[in-house]
Structure formats: structure tokens, C-alpha cells
Amino acid sequence: MIRVCAAAEVAKGEAVQVTVEGTEIALVHADDDNFYAVYDECSHAAVPLSEGEIEGCTLECWLHGSRFDLRTGEPTGLPATEPVPVYPVEVRDGDVYIDLNPSNGVFK
């Protein structure tokens, strides 16, 4: 697990881009108060997911409107049909840590 930031740096309902050992990740503080990490590129078009909107446990790509489940990386709306990598996240002592081994078996 690699420390990426303090939990307080990411407001609830916000997504930010973090770079962890060269990998760009969208770190999301979702409405359910959990933190999620997904590869920061839509599987349909090469645009950052961290610039999209959060609704519940989904993140929307701002360009074409594809939505991705933050827990699984699976697309929940077209035009995307391929999942994005999802990375395990832990919050310890007020800090956010990410494991760069995707939990859904999808690798970038």
C-alpha cells in the first residue's frame, strides 16, 4: 500500500487525480463516505475520469456519458463496454493508501 494523500484533502463527492508510481488514478470520496480508486482513463475514450461527476457509487465520463461502478470498474452505461481497473484503497490514521494491484483483474 502506498500513501497518496490525507483523507481530508478529498472532499466528499469529489474526485481527484493522483499519480502513484507513474500510474494516473482517479481517487474518489463517494457519497457513501468511502474512498475508491480507478484507473483515470475512460475505457471508451482517452479522457480522465477524475474530471467526471460522481453519483452514488458511479463515476461518469464527462465526454460521452459512460458511467463506471467504482466498486467493480464495470461500465453501467454506454458507450463504454470494457471495465476500468479498480485499485484497493485503505484509510489509516487519516491518510489514504492505494494498492497498485487491481482488485478486478483488469490491468493497464
N, C-alpha and C. Protein backbone atom coordinates (compact mmCIF):
# COMPACT_ATOMS: atom_id res chain seq x y z
N MET A 1 0.85 -1.18 0.00
CA MET A 1 0.00 0.00 0.00
C MET A 1 0.89 1.24 0.00
N ILE A 2 0.48 2.20 -0.83
CA ILE A 2 1.26 3.42 -0.99
C ILE A 2 0.41 4.61 -0.54
N ARG A 3 0.96 5.43 0.33
CA ARG A 3 0.24 6.62 0.79
C ARG A 3 0.15 7.62 -0.36
N VAL A 4 -1.09 8.15 -0.58
CA VAL A 4 -1.26 9.10 -1.67
C VAL A 4 -1.65 10.50 -1.20
N CYS A 5 -2.35 10.60 -0.08
CA CYS A 5 -2.74 11.92 0.44
C CYS A 5 -3.43 11.75 1.78
N ALA A 6 -3.72 12.88 2.40
CA ALA A 6 -4.56 12.87 3.60
C ALA A 6 -6.01 12.77 3.16
N ALA A 7 -6.81 12.02 3.89
CA ALA A 7 -8.22 11.85 3.55
C ALA A 7 -8.94 13.20 3.51
N ALA A 8 -8.55 14.11 4.37
CA ALA A 8 -9.18 15.43 4.44
C ALA A 8 -8.96 16.26 3.18
N GLU A 9 -8.00 15.88 2.34
CA GLU A 9 -7.71 16.63 1.11
C GLU A 9 -8.72 16.36 -0.01
N VAL A 10 -9.56 15.32 0.16
CA VAL A 10 -10.54 14.97 -0.87
C VAL A 10 -11.93 15.09 -0.26
N ALA A 11 -12.65 16.12 -0.64
CA ALA A 11 -13.98 16.36 -0.09
C ALA A 11 -14.95 15.27 -0.52
N LYS A 12 -15.94 15.03 0.31
CA LYS A 12 -16.98 14.06 -0.02
C LYS A 12 -17.67 14.50 -1.31
N GLY A 13 -17.85 13.56 -2.24
CA GLY A 13 -18.46 13.86 -3.53
C GLY A 13 -17.48 14.39 -4.56
N GLU A 14 -16.18 14.29 -4.27
CA GLU A 14 -15.15 14.81 -5.15
C GLU A 14 -14.25 13.69 -5.68
N ALA A 15 -13.76 13.90 -6.91
CA ALA A 15 -12.75 13.01 -7.50
C ALA A 15 -11.51 13.85 -7.79
N VAL A 16 -10.35 13.30 -7.51
CA VAL A 16 -9.09 13.97 -7.82
C VAL A 16 -8.17 12.99 -8.53
N GLN A 17 -7.28 13.54 -9.34
CA GLN A 17 -6.29 12.70 -10.00
C GLN A 17 -5.05 12.63 -9.11
N VAL A 18 -4.58 11.41 -8.87
CA VAL A 18 -3.32 11.20 -8.16
C VAL A 18 -2.45 10.32 -9.05
N THR A 19 -1.15 10.54 -8.98
CA THR A 19 -0.23 9.71 -9.73
C THR A 19 0.55 8.86 -8.74
N VAL A 20 0.44 7.55 -8.88
CA VAL A 20 1.10 6.62 -7.97
C VAL A 20 2.08 5.79 -8.79
N GLU A 21 3.35 6.03 -8.55
CA GLU A 21 4.42 5.33 -9.27
C GLU A 21 4.17 5.32 -10.78
N GLY A 22 3.80 6.49 -11.32
CA GLY A 22 3.62 6.64 -12.76
C GLY A 22 2.24 6.27 -13.28
N THR A 23 1.36 5.77 -12.43
CA THR A 23 0.01 5.38 -12.83
C THR A 23 -0.98 6.46 -12.41
N GLU A 24 -1.72 7.00 -13.38
CA GLU A 24 -2.72 8.02 -13.06
C GLU A 24 -4.01 7.34 -12.60
N ILE A 25 -4.45 7.77 -11.42
CA ILE A 25 -5.60 7.16 -10.76
C ILE A 25 -6.60 8.24 -10.37
N ALA A 26 -7.88 7.93 -10.56
CA ALA A 26 -8.95 8.80 -10.07
C ALA A 26 -9.29 8.32 -8.66
N LEU A 27 -9.01 9.16 -7.68
CA LEU A 27 -9.34 8.87 -6.29
C LEU A 27 -10.65 9.57 -5.98
N VAL A 28 -11.64 8.80 -5.54
CA VAL A 28 -12.99 9.32 -5.34
C VAL A 28 -13.41 9.16 -3.89
N HIS A 29 -13.91 10.24 -3.32
CA HIS A 29 -14.55 10.20 -1.99
C HIS A 29 -16.05 10.22 -2.28
N ALA A 30 -16.64 9.04 -2.32
CA ALA A 30 -18.02 8.89 -2.78
C ALA A 30 -19.03 9.33 -1.72
N ASP A 31 -20.27 9.44 -2.18
CA ASP A 31 -21.37 9.86 -1.32
C ASP A 31 -21.60 8.91 -0.14
N ASP A 32 -21.17 7.64 -0.29
CA ASP A 32 -21.32 6.67 0.81
C ASP A 32 -20.21 6.83 1.84
N ASP A 33 -19.37 7.86 1.69
CA ASP A 33 -18.26 8.21 2.57
C ASP A 33 -17.06 7.28 2.45
N ASN A 34 -17.09 6.37 1.46
CA ASN A 34 -15.93 5.51 1.20
C ASN A 34 -15.06 6.13 0.13
N PHE A 35 -13.80 5.69 0.11
CA PHE A 35 -12.86 6.11 -0.93
C PHE A 35 -12.70 4.97 -1.92
N TYR A 36 -12.63 5.33 -3.20
CA TYR A 36 -12.45 4.37 -4.28
C TYR A 36 -11.34 4.87 -5.20
N ALA A 37 -10.68 3.94 -5.88
CA ALA A 37 -9.62 4.31 -6.82
C ALA A 37 -9.80 3.49 -8.09
N VAL A 38 -9.86 4.21 -9.22
CA VAL A 38 -9.97 3.57 -10.53
C VAL A 38 -8.93 4.19 -11.46
N TYR A 39 -8.55 3.45 -12.47
CA TYR A 39 -7.62 3.98 -13.48
C TYR A 39 -8.25 5.23 -14.08
N ASP A 40 -7.46 6.29 -14.18
CA ASP A 40 -8.01 7.59 -14.57
C ASP A 40 -8.08 7.78 -16.08
N GLU A 41 -8.67 6.81 -16.75
CA GLU A 41 -8.91 6.95 -18.19
C GLU A 41 -10.12 6.11 -18.56
N CYS A 42 -11.05 6.72 -19.22
CA CYS A 42 -12.25 6.02 -19.69
C CYS A 42 -11.82 4.90 -20.65
N SER A 43 -12.46 3.76 -20.55
CA SER A 43 -12.12 2.64 -21.44
C SER A 43 -12.68 2.85 -22.85
N HIS A 44 -13.53 3.82 -23.03
CA HIS A 44 -14.10 4.11 -24.34
C HIS A 44 -13.31 5.19 -25.09
N ALA A 45 -12.89 6.21 -24.37
CA ALA A 45 -12.14 7.32 -24.97
C ALA A 45 -11.06 7.75 -23.98
N ALA A 46 -9.95 8.21 -24.48
CA ALA A 46 -8.81 8.55 -23.64
C ALA A 46 -9.01 9.90 -22.95
N VAL A 47 -9.96 9.95 -22.02
CA VAL A 47 -10.20 11.16 -21.24
C VAL A 47 -10.18 10.81 -19.76
N PRO A 48 -9.75 11.75 -18.91
CA PRO A 48 -9.65 11.48 -17.48
C PRO A 48 -11.02 11.31 -16.80
N LEU A 49 -11.20 10.22 -16.11
CA LEU A 49 -12.44 10.01 -15.36
C LEU A 49 -12.51 10.93 -14.14
N SER A 50 -11.35 11.38 -13.64
CA SER A 50 -11.34 12.24 -12.45
C SER A 50 -12.04 13.57 -12.71
N GLU A 51 -12.29 13.90 -13.97
CA GLU A 51 -13.00 15.14 -14.30
C GLU A 51 -14.50 14.93 -14.41
N GLY A 52 -14.95 13.69 -14.17
CA GLY A 52 -16.37 13.37 -14.29
C GLY A 52 -17.14 13.59 -13.02
N GLU A 53 -18.44 13.34 -13.10
CA GLU A 53 -19.33 13.53 -11.96
C GLU A 53 -19.57 12.21 -11.23
N ILE A 54 -19.72 12.34 -9.92
CA ILE A 54 -19.97 11.19 -9.05
C ILE A 54 -21.45 11.16 -8.70
N GLU A 55 -22.02 9.96 -8.81
CA GLU A 55 -23.40 9.76 -8.37
C GLU A 55 -23.46 8.42 -7.67
N GLY A 56 -23.69 8.44 -6.38
CA GLY A 56 -23.68 7.20 -5.60
C GLY A 56 -22.32 6.56 -5.70
N CYS A 57 -22.26 5.33 -6.19
CA CYS A 57 -21.00 4.61 -6.36
C CYS A 57 -20.62 4.50 -7.82
N THR A 58 -20.98 5.52 -8.61
CA THR A 58 -20.58 5.53 -10.01
C THR A 58 -19.87 6.84 -10.34
N LEU A 59 -19.02 6.76 -11.36
CA LEU A 59 -18.29 7.91 -11.86
C LEU A 59 -18.58 8.02 -13.35
N GLU A 60 -18.99 9.21 -13.78
CA GLU A 60 -19.37 9.42 -15.17
C GLU A 60 -18.24 10.06 -15.96
N CYS A 61 -17.98 9.54 -17.15
CA CYS A 61 -17.04 10.16 -18.07
C CYS A 61 -17.71 11.40 -18.65
N TRP A 62 -17.07 12.53 -18.55
CA TRP A 62 -17.67 13.80 -18.97
C TRP A 62 -17.84 13.92 -20.49
N LEU A 63 -17.08 13.14 -21.27
CA LEU A 63 -17.11 13.32 -22.72
C LEU A 63 -18.34 12.68 -23.38
N HIS A 64 -18.57 11.41 -23.09
CA HIS A 64 -19.68 10.69 -23.75
C HIS A 64 -20.72 10.15 -22.79
N GLY A 65 -20.52 10.34 -21.49
CA GLY A 65 -21.54 9.96 -20.52
C GLY A 65 -21.50 8.53 -20.02
N SER A 66 -20.47 7.76 -20.36
CA SER A 66 -20.36 6.41 -19.80
C SER A 66 -20.21 6.50 -18.29
N ARG A 67 -20.82 5.57 -17.59
CA ARG A 67 -20.69 5.52 -16.13
C ARG A 67 -19.99 4.24 -15.75
N PHE A 68 -19.18 4.31 -14.69
CA PHE A 68 -18.44 3.16 -14.20
C PHE A 68 -18.74 2.94 -12.72
N ASP A 69 -18.97 1.68 -12.36
CA ASP A 69 -19.17 1.32 -10.97
C ASP A 69 -17.82 1.42 -10.26
N LEU A 70 -17.73 2.24 -9.24
CA LEU A 70 -16.47 2.45 -8.53
C LEU A 70 -15.99 1.21 -7.78
N ARG A 71 -16.89 0.30 -7.48
CA ARG A 71 -16.53 -0.92 -6.73
C ARG A 71 -15.95 -2.00 -7.63
N THR A 72 -16.42 -2.04 -8.89
CA THR A 72 -16.02 -3.14 -9.78
C THR A 72 -15.30 -2.67 -11.04
N GLY A 73 -15.44 -1.40 -11.40
CA GLY A 73 -14.87 -0.89 -12.64
C GLY A 73 -15.73 -1.16 -13.86
N GLU A 74 -16.81 -1.89 -13.69
CA GLU A 74 -17.68 -2.25 -14.81
C GLU A 74 -18.46 -1.04 -15.30
N PRO A 75 -18.59 -0.91 -16.62
CA PRO A 75 -19.41 0.18 -17.15
C PRO A 75 -20.88 -0.10 -16.87
N THR A 76 -21.60 0.95 -16.48
CA THR A 76 -23.04 0.80 -16.22
C THR A 76 -23.86 1.57 -17.23
N GLY A 77 -23.17 2.15 -18.21
CA GLY A 77 -23.86 2.89 -19.27
C GLY A 77 -22.97 3.00 -20.50
N LEU A 78 -23.59 2.93 -21.66
CA LEU A 78 -22.87 3.04 -22.93
C LEU A 78 -22.37 4.46 -23.12
N PRO A 79 -21.38 4.66 -23.96
CA PRO A 79 -20.86 3.75 -24.96
C PRO A 79 -19.75 2.82 -24.47
N ALA A 80 -19.22 3.00 -23.27
CA ALA A 80 -18.15 2.10 -22.79
C ALA A 80 -18.70 0.70 -22.59
N THR A 81 -17.90 -0.30 -22.98
CA THR A 81 -18.28 -1.70 -22.78
C THR A 81 -17.22 -2.47 -22.01
N GLU A 82 -16.03 -1.87 -21.85
CA GLU A 82 -14.93 -2.53 -21.13
C GLU A 82 -14.75 -1.89 -19.75
N PRO A 83 -14.44 -2.71 -18.74
CA PRO A 83 -14.23 -2.15 -17.40
C PRO A 83 -12.90 -1.39 -17.31
N VAL A 84 -12.78 -0.58 -16.27
CA VAL A 84 -11.53 0.08 -15.95
C VAL A 84 -10.95 -0.59 -14.70
N PRO A 85 -9.62 -0.59 -14.56
CA PRO A 85 -9.01 -1.18 -13.37
C PRO A 85 -9.47 -0.45 -12.09
N VAL A 86 -9.70 -1.24 -11.05
CA VAL A 86 -10.07 -0.75 -9.72
C VAL A 86 -8.96 -1.14 -8.76
N TYR A 87 -8.53 -0.19 -7.95
CA TYR A 87 -7.42 -0.44 -7.03
C TYR A 87 -7.91 -0.43 -5.58
N PRO A 88 -7.42 -1.38 -4.77
CA PRO A 88 -7.80 -1.40 -3.35
C PRO A 88 -7.35 -0.12 -2.64
N VAL A 89 -8.21 0.37 -1.77
CA VAL A 89 -7.95 1.60 -1.01
C VAL A 89 -8.14 1.32 0.48
N GLU A 90 -7.27 1.89 1.28
CA GLU A 90 -7.42 1.85 2.74
C GLU A 90 -7.23 3.26 3.27
N VAL A 91 -7.99 3.58 4.31
CA VAL A 91 -7.78 4.83 5.02
C VAL A 91 -7.29 4.45 6.41
N ARG A 92 -6.07 4.91 6.71
CA ARG A 92 -5.44 4.61 8.01
C ARG A 92 -4.91 5.89 8.62
N ASP A 93 -5.27 6.12 9.86
CA ASP A 93 -4.77 7.27 10.60
C ASP A 93 -4.93 8.57 9.82
N GLY A 94 -6.06 8.70 9.11
CA GLY A 94 -6.35 9.91 8.37
C GLY A 94 -5.69 10.04 7.01
N ASP A 95 -4.97 9.00 6.58
CA ASP A 95 -4.30 9.02 5.28
C ASP A 95 -4.90 7.96 4.36
N VAL A 96 -4.87 8.25 3.05
CA VAL A 96 -5.39 7.32 2.03
C VAL A 96 -4.22 6.57 1.41
N TYR A 97 -4.37 5.25 1.34
CA TYR A 97 -3.36 4.37 0.74
C TYR A 97 -4.00 3.59 -0.40
N ILE A 98 -3.22 3.39 -1.47
CA ILE A 98 -3.69 2.64 -2.63
C ILE A 98 -2.73 1.51 -2.94
N ASP A 99 -3.28 0.35 -3.29
CA ASP A 99 -2.50 -0.80 -3.75
C ASP A 99 -2.58 -0.80 -5.27
N LEU A 100 -1.43 -0.81 -5.94
CA LEU A 100 -1.42 -0.75 -7.41
C LEU A 100 -1.76 -2.07 -8.09
N ASN A 101 -2.10 -3.09 -7.35
CA ASN A 101 -2.53 -4.36 -7.94
C ASN A 101 -4.05 -4.31 -8.07
N PRO A 102 -4.58 -4.17 -9.29
CA PRO A 102 -6.03 -4.04 -9.46
C PRO A 102 -6.79 -5.21 -8.82
N SER A 103 -7.88 -4.87 -8.16
CA SER A 103 -8.68 -5.89 -7.48
C SER A 103 -9.64 -6.59 -8.42
N ASN A 104 -9.83 -6.03 -9.64
CA ASN A 104 -10.79 -6.63 -10.57
C ASN A 104 -10.12 -7.38 -11.72
N GLY A 105 -8.82 -7.56 -11.63
CA GLY A 105 -8.12 -8.33 -12.65
C GLY A 105 -7.88 -7.62 -13.96
N VAL A 106 -8.28 -6.36 -14.07
CA VAL A 106 -8.06 -5.58 -15.27
C VAL A 106 -6.75 -4.81 -15.09
N PHE A 107 -5.84 -4.92 -16.06
CA PHE A 107 -4.55 -4.26 -15.91
C PHE A 107 -4.36 -3.22 -16.99
N LYS A 108 -3.69 -2.13 -16.63
CA LYS A 108 -3.34 -1.08 -17.59
C LYS A 108 -1.84 -0.93 -17.58
